[in-house]
Protein backbone atom coordinates (compact mmCIF):
# COMPACT_ATOMS: atom_id res chain seq x y z
CA MET A 1 -17.51 -50.14 -37.42
CA ARG A 2 -17.64 -47.59 -40.14
CA VAL A 3 -17.41 -43.76 -40.51
CA ALA A 4 -20.97 -42.71 -41.21
CA ALA A 5 -20.66 -38.79 -41.10
CA VAL A 6 -18.20 -35.98 -40.49
CA GLY A 7 -18.98 -32.68 -38.77
CA SER A 8 -17.14 -29.44 -38.58
CA ARG A 9 -17.97 -25.71 -38.16
CA ASP A 10 -16.47 -25.58 -41.76
CA LEU A 11 -18.66 -27.51 -44.22
CA GLY A 12 -15.85 -27.66 -46.83
CA ARG A 13 -13.46 -29.22 -44.31
CA ALA A 14 -16.13 -31.71 -43.35
CA GLU A 15 -16.63 -32.63 -46.89
CA ALA A 16 -12.96 -33.07 -47.69
CA LEU A 17 -12.49 -35.27 -44.63
CA ALA A 18 -15.69 -37.34 -45.43
CA ALA A 19 -14.43 -37.89 -48.98
CA GLU A 20 -11.06 -39.09 -47.58
CA LEU A 21 -12.71 -41.44 -45.11
CA GLY A 22 -15.48 -42.63 -47.35
CA ALA A 23 -18.20 -41.15 -44.93
CA GLU A 24 -21.79 -40.95 -46.49
CA SER A 25 -22.54 -37.50 -44.90
CA ALA A 26 -20.74 -34.27 -44.14
CA TYR A 27 -22.26 -31.47 -41.84
CA GLY A 28 -21.27 -27.78 -41.36
CA SER A 29 -22.20 -27.96 -37.59
CA TYR A 30 -21.88 -30.34 -34.74
CA GLU A 31 -25.48 -30.23 -33.97
CA GLN A 32 -26.39 -31.65 -37.44
CA LEU A 33 -23.87 -34.37 -37.03
CA CYS A 34 -25.44 -35.29 -33.60
CA ALA A 35 -28.93 -35.35 -35.12
CA ASP A 36 -27.95 -38.02 -37.86
CA PRO A 37 -29.73 -41.20 -37.02
CA ALA A 38 -26.94 -43.12 -38.73
CA VAL A 39 -24.48 -42.14 -36.09
CA ASP A 40 -24.21 -44.37 -33.09
CA ALA A 41 -21.04 -42.87 -31.60
CA ILE A 42 -19.19 -39.59 -31.98
CA TYR A 43 -15.31 -39.06 -31.85
CA ILE A 44 -14.59 -35.47 -30.58
CA ALA A 45 -11.20 -34.32 -31.98
CA THR A 46 -11.57 -30.66 -31.60
CA PRO A 47 -9.29 -28.33 -29.60
CA HIS A 48 -9.62 -29.09 -25.92
CA ALA A 49 -11.57 -25.92 -25.21
CA GLN A 50 -14.46 -27.12 -27.51
CA HIS A 51 -14.82 -30.58 -26.10
CA LEU A 52 -17.63 -29.64 -23.71
CA GLN A 53 -19.74 -28.01 -26.18
CA VAL A 54 -19.63 -30.82 -28.65
CA ALA A 55 -20.01 -33.44 -25.91
CA GLU A 56 -23.10 -31.69 -24.62
CA ALA A 57 -24.69 -31.90 -27.95
CA ALA A 58 -23.69 -35.54 -28.49
CA ILE A 59 -24.87 -36.67 -25.01
CA ALA A 60 -28.26 -34.81 -25.39
CA ALA A 61 -28.87 -36.69 -28.76
CA GLY A 62 -27.95 -40.01 -27.02
CA LYS A 63 -24.78 -40.66 -28.93
CA ALA A 64 -21.82 -42.67 -27.31
CA VAL A 65 -18.98 -40.23 -26.96
CA LEU A 66 -15.22 -40.95 -27.45
CA CYS A 67 -13.50 -37.60 -26.54
CA GLU A 68 -9.82 -36.86 -27.37
CA LYS A 69 -7.52 -36.34 -24.42
CA PRO A 70 -7.52 -34.51 -22.21
CA LEU A 71 -11.33 -34.99 -21.50
CA ALA A 72 -11.70 -31.15 -21.35
CA ALA A 73 -9.79 -27.89 -20.97
CA THR A 74 -10.64 -27.40 -17.38
CA VAL A 75 -11.67 -29.57 -14.38
CA ASP A 76 -15.11 -27.94 -14.14
CA ASP A 77 -15.67 -28.65 -17.91
CA ALA A 78 -14.68 -32.23 -17.45
CA GLU A 79 -16.88 -32.76 -14.33
CA LYS A 80 -19.91 -31.44 -16.31
CA MET A 81 -19.27 -33.79 -19.17
CA VAL A 82 -19.19 -36.83 -16.76
CA ARG A 83 -22.21 -35.62 -14.85
CA LEU A 84 -24.26 -35.11 -18.03
CA ALA A 85 -23.24 -38.55 -19.38
CA ARG A 86 -23.96 -40.48 -16.17
CA GLU A 87 -27.18 -38.65 -15.80
CA ALA A 88 -28.28 -39.41 -19.37
CA GLY A 89 -26.95 -42.97 -19.25
CA VAL A 90 -24.74 -42.32 -22.16
CA PHE A 91 -21.33 -43.85 -22.90
CA LEU A 92 -18.44 -41.45 -22.43
CA MET A 93 -14.59 -42.34 -22.57
CA GLU A 94 -11.52 -40.29 -22.93
CA ALA A 95 -9.46 -41.22 -25.90
CA MET A 96 -6.22 -42.16 -24.26
CA TRP A 97 -4.77 -44.52 -26.73
CA MET A 98 -1.76 -45.41 -24.59
CA ARG A 99 -4.04 -47.35 -22.34
CA PHE A 100 -5.28 -49.54 -25.23
CA ASN A 101 -1.78 -50.47 -26.45
CA PRO A 102 -1.21 -54.16 -25.87
CA LEU A 103 2.42 -53.59 -24.80
CA ILE A 104 1.42 -50.92 -22.28
CA GLN A 105 -1.39 -53.38 -21.06
CA LEU A 106 1.24 -56.07 -20.76
CA ILE A 107 3.45 -54.05 -18.42
CA ALA A 108 0.41 -53.13 -16.33
CA ALA A 109 -0.74 -56.78 -16.00
CA ASP A 110 2.56 -58.88 -15.83
CA PRO A 111 3.03 -60.12 -12.20
CA ARG A 112 6.74 -60.56 -12.88
CA PHE A 113 7.27 -56.86 -12.25
CA GLY A 114 6.43 -57.39 -8.62
CA GLU A 115 5.90 -54.00 -7.05
CA ILE A 116 6.47 -51.09 -9.46
CA ARG A 117 8.86 -48.63 -7.75
CA SER A 118 9.71 -46.05 -10.51
CA VAL A 119 8.33 -44.64 -13.70
CA GLN A 120 10.38 -42.37 -15.98
CA ALA A 121 8.87 -40.84 -19.15
CA SER A 122 9.29 -37.95 -21.48
CA PHE A 123 7.60 -36.30 -24.37
CA GLY A 124 8.84 -33.19 -25.99
CA PHE A 125 9.53 -31.61 -29.31
CA ALA A 126 10.61 -28.23 -30.53
CA LEU A 127 7.72 -26.14 -31.85
CA PRO A 128 8.19 -22.58 -32.97
CA TYR A 129 6.37 -20.10 -30.97
CA GLU A 130 3.23 -18.88 -32.94
CA PRO A 131 0.62 -17.52 -30.60
CA ALA A 132 -2.22 -18.59 -32.92
CA HIS A 133 -1.08 -22.19 -33.10
CA ARG A 134 -3.42 -24.69 -31.24
CA LEU A 135 -0.72 -25.73 -28.93
CA TRP A 136 0.31 -22.15 -27.93
CA ALA A 137 -3.14 -20.45 -27.95
CA PRO A 138 -4.68 -20.14 -24.45
CA GLU A 139 -8.23 -19.75 -25.77
CA LEU A 140 -7.84 -23.26 -27.33
CA GLY A 141 -6.51 -24.91 -24.30
CA GLY A 142 -2.85 -24.63 -25.46
CA GLY A 143 0.07 -25.42 -23.26
CA VAL A 144 2.42 -28.38 -23.14
CA LEU A 145 0.88 -30.10 -20.09
CA LEU A 146 -2.56 -30.75 -21.40
CA ASP A 147 -1.54 -31.83 -24.71
CA LEU A 148 1.94 -33.66 -24.24
CA GLY A 149 2.31 -33.87 -20.47
CA ILE A 150 -0.74 -35.92 -19.99
CA TYR A 151 1.08 -38.84 -21.53
CA PRO A 152 4.03 -39.34 -19.09
CA MET A 153 1.84 -38.33 -16.12
CA GLY A 154 -0.87 -40.86 -17.51
CA LEU A 155 1.71 -43.58 -17.62
CA ALA A 156 2.53 -42.96 -14.00
CA GLN A 157 -1.14 -42.90 -13.07
CA LEU A 158 -1.89 -46.08 -14.79
CA LEU A 159 1.09 -48.03 -13.13
CA LEU A 160 1.45 -46.17 -9.73
CA GLY A 161 -1.99 -44.57 -9.12
CA MET A 162 -2.53 -40.98 -7.99
CA PRO A 163 0.41 -39.48 -6.13
CA SER A 164 0.43 -38.13 -2.65
CA GLU A 165 2.50 -35.25 -3.81
CA LEU A 166 3.35 -33.45 -7.04
CA ARG A 167 6.11 -31.06 -7.50
CA VAL A 168 6.57 -29.27 -10.96
CA THR A 169 8.93 -26.85 -12.37
CA GLY A 170 9.25 -25.39 -15.88
CA SER A 171 8.82 -22.17 -17.97
CA LEU A 172 5.95 -20.25 -19.56
CA ALA A 173 5.61 -18.91 -23.15
CA PRO A 174 5.44 -15.19 -23.66
CA ASN A 175 1.50 -15.43 -23.67
CA GLY A 176 1.58 -17.29 -20.32
CA VAL A 177 0.78 -20.88 -21.40
CA ASP A 178 3.18 -23.56 -20.14
CA ALA A 179 6.02 -24.12 -22.53
CA GLU A 180 7.80 -26.87 -20.63
CA ALA A 181 7.62 -28.87 -17.41
CA GLY A 182 9.52 -31.34 -15.41
CA GLY A 183 7.64 -33.09 -12.39
CA ALA A 184 8.22 -35.62 -9.65
CA LEU A 185 5.25 -37.57 -8.44
CA TYR A 186 5.71 -39.13 -4.93
CA TYR A 187 3.90 -42.15 -3.68
CA PRO A 188 3.62 -43.93 -0.28
CA GLY A 189 6.80 -45.91 0.74
CA GLY A 190 9.20 -44.11 -1.69
CA ARG A 191 7.79 -45.06 -5.02
CA HIS A 192 7.94 -42.21 -7.42
CA ALA A 193 7.62 -41.06 -11.08
CA LEU A 194 9.77 -38.59 -12.81
CA VAL A 195 8.13 -36.93 -15.89
CA SER A 196 9.29 -34.28 -18.41
CA THR A 197 7.57 -32.38 -21.36
CA SER A 198 8.42 -29.70 -23.64
CA LEU A 199 7.51 -27.55 -26.60
CA LEU A 200 10.96 -26.04 -26.62
CA ALA A 201 13.34 -29.03 -27.23
CA ASP A 202 13.38 -32.55 -28.67
CA TYR A 203 13.14 -35.21 -25.85
CA PRO A 204 13.83 -38.85 -26.06
CA ASN A 205 10.14 -39.60 -25.90
CA ASP A 206 10.76 -43.11 -24.33
CA ALA A 207 10.08 -44.55 -20.88
CA ARG A 208 11.27 -46.81 -18.22
CA VAL A 209 9.31 -48.89 -15.68
CA VAL A 210 11.18 -50.35 -12.87
CA GLY A 211 9.64 -52.97 -10.47
CA THR A 212 11.11 -55.21 -7.72
CA GLY A 213 11.15 -58.21 -10.00
CA MET A 214 11.62 -56.75 -13.66
CA ARG A 215 12.17 -53.59 -15.82
CA ALA A 216 10.64 -52.55 -19.06
CA ASP A 217 12.28 -50.26 -21.46
CA ILE A 218 9.66 -48.68 -23.72
CA GLN A 219 10.75 -47.59 -27.05
CA ALA A 220 9.80 -44.17 -28.36
CA PRO A 221 6.99 -43.11 -28.79
CA PHE A 222 6.35 -44.58 -25.37
CA TRP A 223 2.58 -43.63 -25.57
CA ALA A 224 2.11 -45.64 -28.80
CA PRO A 225 5.05 -48.23 -28.62
CA GLN A 226 5.83 -50.70 -31.24
CA ARG A 227 8.50 -52.44 -29.09
CA ILE A 228 9.27 -52.95 -25.44
CA VAL A 229 12.22 -54.98 -23.82
CA LEU A 230 11.85 -56.72 -20.42
CA THR A 231 14.89 -57.48 -18.37
CA ALA A 232 15.72 -58.90 -15.02
CA LYS A 233 18.60 -60.54 -13.22
CA GLY A 234 19.23 -63.96 -14.69
CA MET A 235 16.84 -63.47 -17.53
CA GLU A 236 17.61 -63.02 -21.10
CA PRO A 237 15.99 -59.79 -22.51
CA GLU A 238 12.64 -60.36 -23.61
CA GLU A 239 11.35 -58.51 -26.58
CA HIS A 240 7.82 -57.93 -27.45
CA VAL A 241 6.66 -56.18 -30.69
CA LEU A 242 3.18 -54.90 -31.47
CA ASP A 243 1.02 -56.77 -33.93
CA PRO A 244 0.23 -54.10 -36.63
CA ALA A 245 -3.63 -54.73 -36.36
CA ASP A 246 -3.24 -53.34 -32.68
CA ASN A 247 -1.60 -50.08 -33.72
CA GLY A 248 -2.90 -46.62 -33.38
CA TYR A 249 -6.45 -46.05 -32.32
CA ALA A 250 -7.64 -49.60 -32.90
CA GLY A 251 -7.91 -50.61 -29.28
CA GLU A 252 -10.07 -47.77 -28.10
CA LEU A 253 -12.23 -47.99 -31.21
CA ARG A 254 -12.89 -51.69 -30.35
CA GLU A 255 -13.74 -50.65 -26.79
CA VAL A 256 -16.41 -48.13 -27.94
CA ARG A 257 -17.90 -50.64 -30.39
CA ALA A 258 -18.09 -53.24 -27.65
CA ALA A 259 -19.43 -50.82 -25.07
CA VAL A 260 -22.21 -49.68 -27.47
CA ALA A 261 -23.17 -53.19 -28.32
CA GLU A 262 -23.21 -54.22 -24.67
CA GLY A 263 -25.09 -51.10 -23.37
CA ARG A 264 -22.27 -49.97 -21.14
CA THR A 265 -21.86 -46.28 -20.25
CA GLU A 266 -18.19 -46.41 -18.91
CA SER A 267 -15.03 -48.27 -19.68
CA PRO A 268 -13.10 -50.20 -17.15
CA ILE A 269 -9.90 -49.71 -19.10
CA MET A 270 -10.25 -45.83 -19.08
CA PRO A 271 -12.69 -45.05 -16.18
CA LEU A 272 -14.09 -41.58 -16.07
CA ASP A 273 -13.12 -41.14 -12.44
CA GLU A 274 -9.43 -41.71 -13.49
CA SER A 275 -9.93 -39.01 -16.25
CA LEU A 276 -11.36 -36.63 -13.69
CA ALA A 277 -8.31 -37.39 -11.38
CA MET A 278 -5.90 -36.63 -14.12
CA MET A 279 -7.69 -33.28 -14.77
CA GLY A 280 -7.07 -32.36 -11.25
CA LEU A 281 -3.45 -33.45 -11.40
CA LEU A 282 -2.99 -31.40 -14.56
CA ALA A 283 -4.62 -28.43 -13.03
CA ASP A 284 -2.22 -28.69 -9.93
CA ALA A 285 0.69 -28.79 -12.27
CA ARG A 286 -0.44 -25.75 -14.27
CA ARG A 287 -1.09 -23.86 -10.89
CA GLN A 288 2.61 -24.58 -9.83
CA LEU A 289 3.93 -23.25 -13.06
CA GLY A 290 1.81 -20.14 -12.59
């Protein structure tokens, strides 16, 4: 896989990034990028509110799409993206790199955990309030839940599924976007997840997963961990360290490459239905915060 081209609404920025990445072409519009026959797949890394616009152009051009999380700024936008991709038979996947981390995958697949009963995770850092900043600007899809909160809630979704009930509390920035949130996700039989996220304070940014047979402590940053420790009664702590070759975006890029080569339109690791379900959960959380 190689970077064939870079597109931006600002040609200068596109040319600078293309030079940095060794890309052959740079374009001053996303439409020009989508029209390039050398491009097989497009990674969308724009602010959330622009995901639909770029995805529409890419899908119409028959390009596979890897779209940065969250899939879109709203449930309606996400549903339209999925509908267009499915109607066109074009690959679409949310770029949730956490799901492709081998240490996270190990936790999800290891039968020694038994039944997972509890997930606890936090993601927060202090960011000065600047209304024009991407994370604070409502017109760009700003707010803590869409950008940071999706990770602890996404870990709960991966390991416990979708909750039967969600309760969220938190606070809003002066312009009305969500600045911090703490949530409890409840599941049948008493299973639960406790998640917290903030743009107002520095959080531990780690996670714990507790099953009936074993526990995992996930080192910060839990959404891209380099190390986890598994413990259980009568068992010596078991440390797992990530191979550097599997760091960062490597796993999701491999999945896109394989999908394009095999003619697949969706990923079983990050299914579109689960991306849509998460969009609904985030929308519920935002409604509860006002």
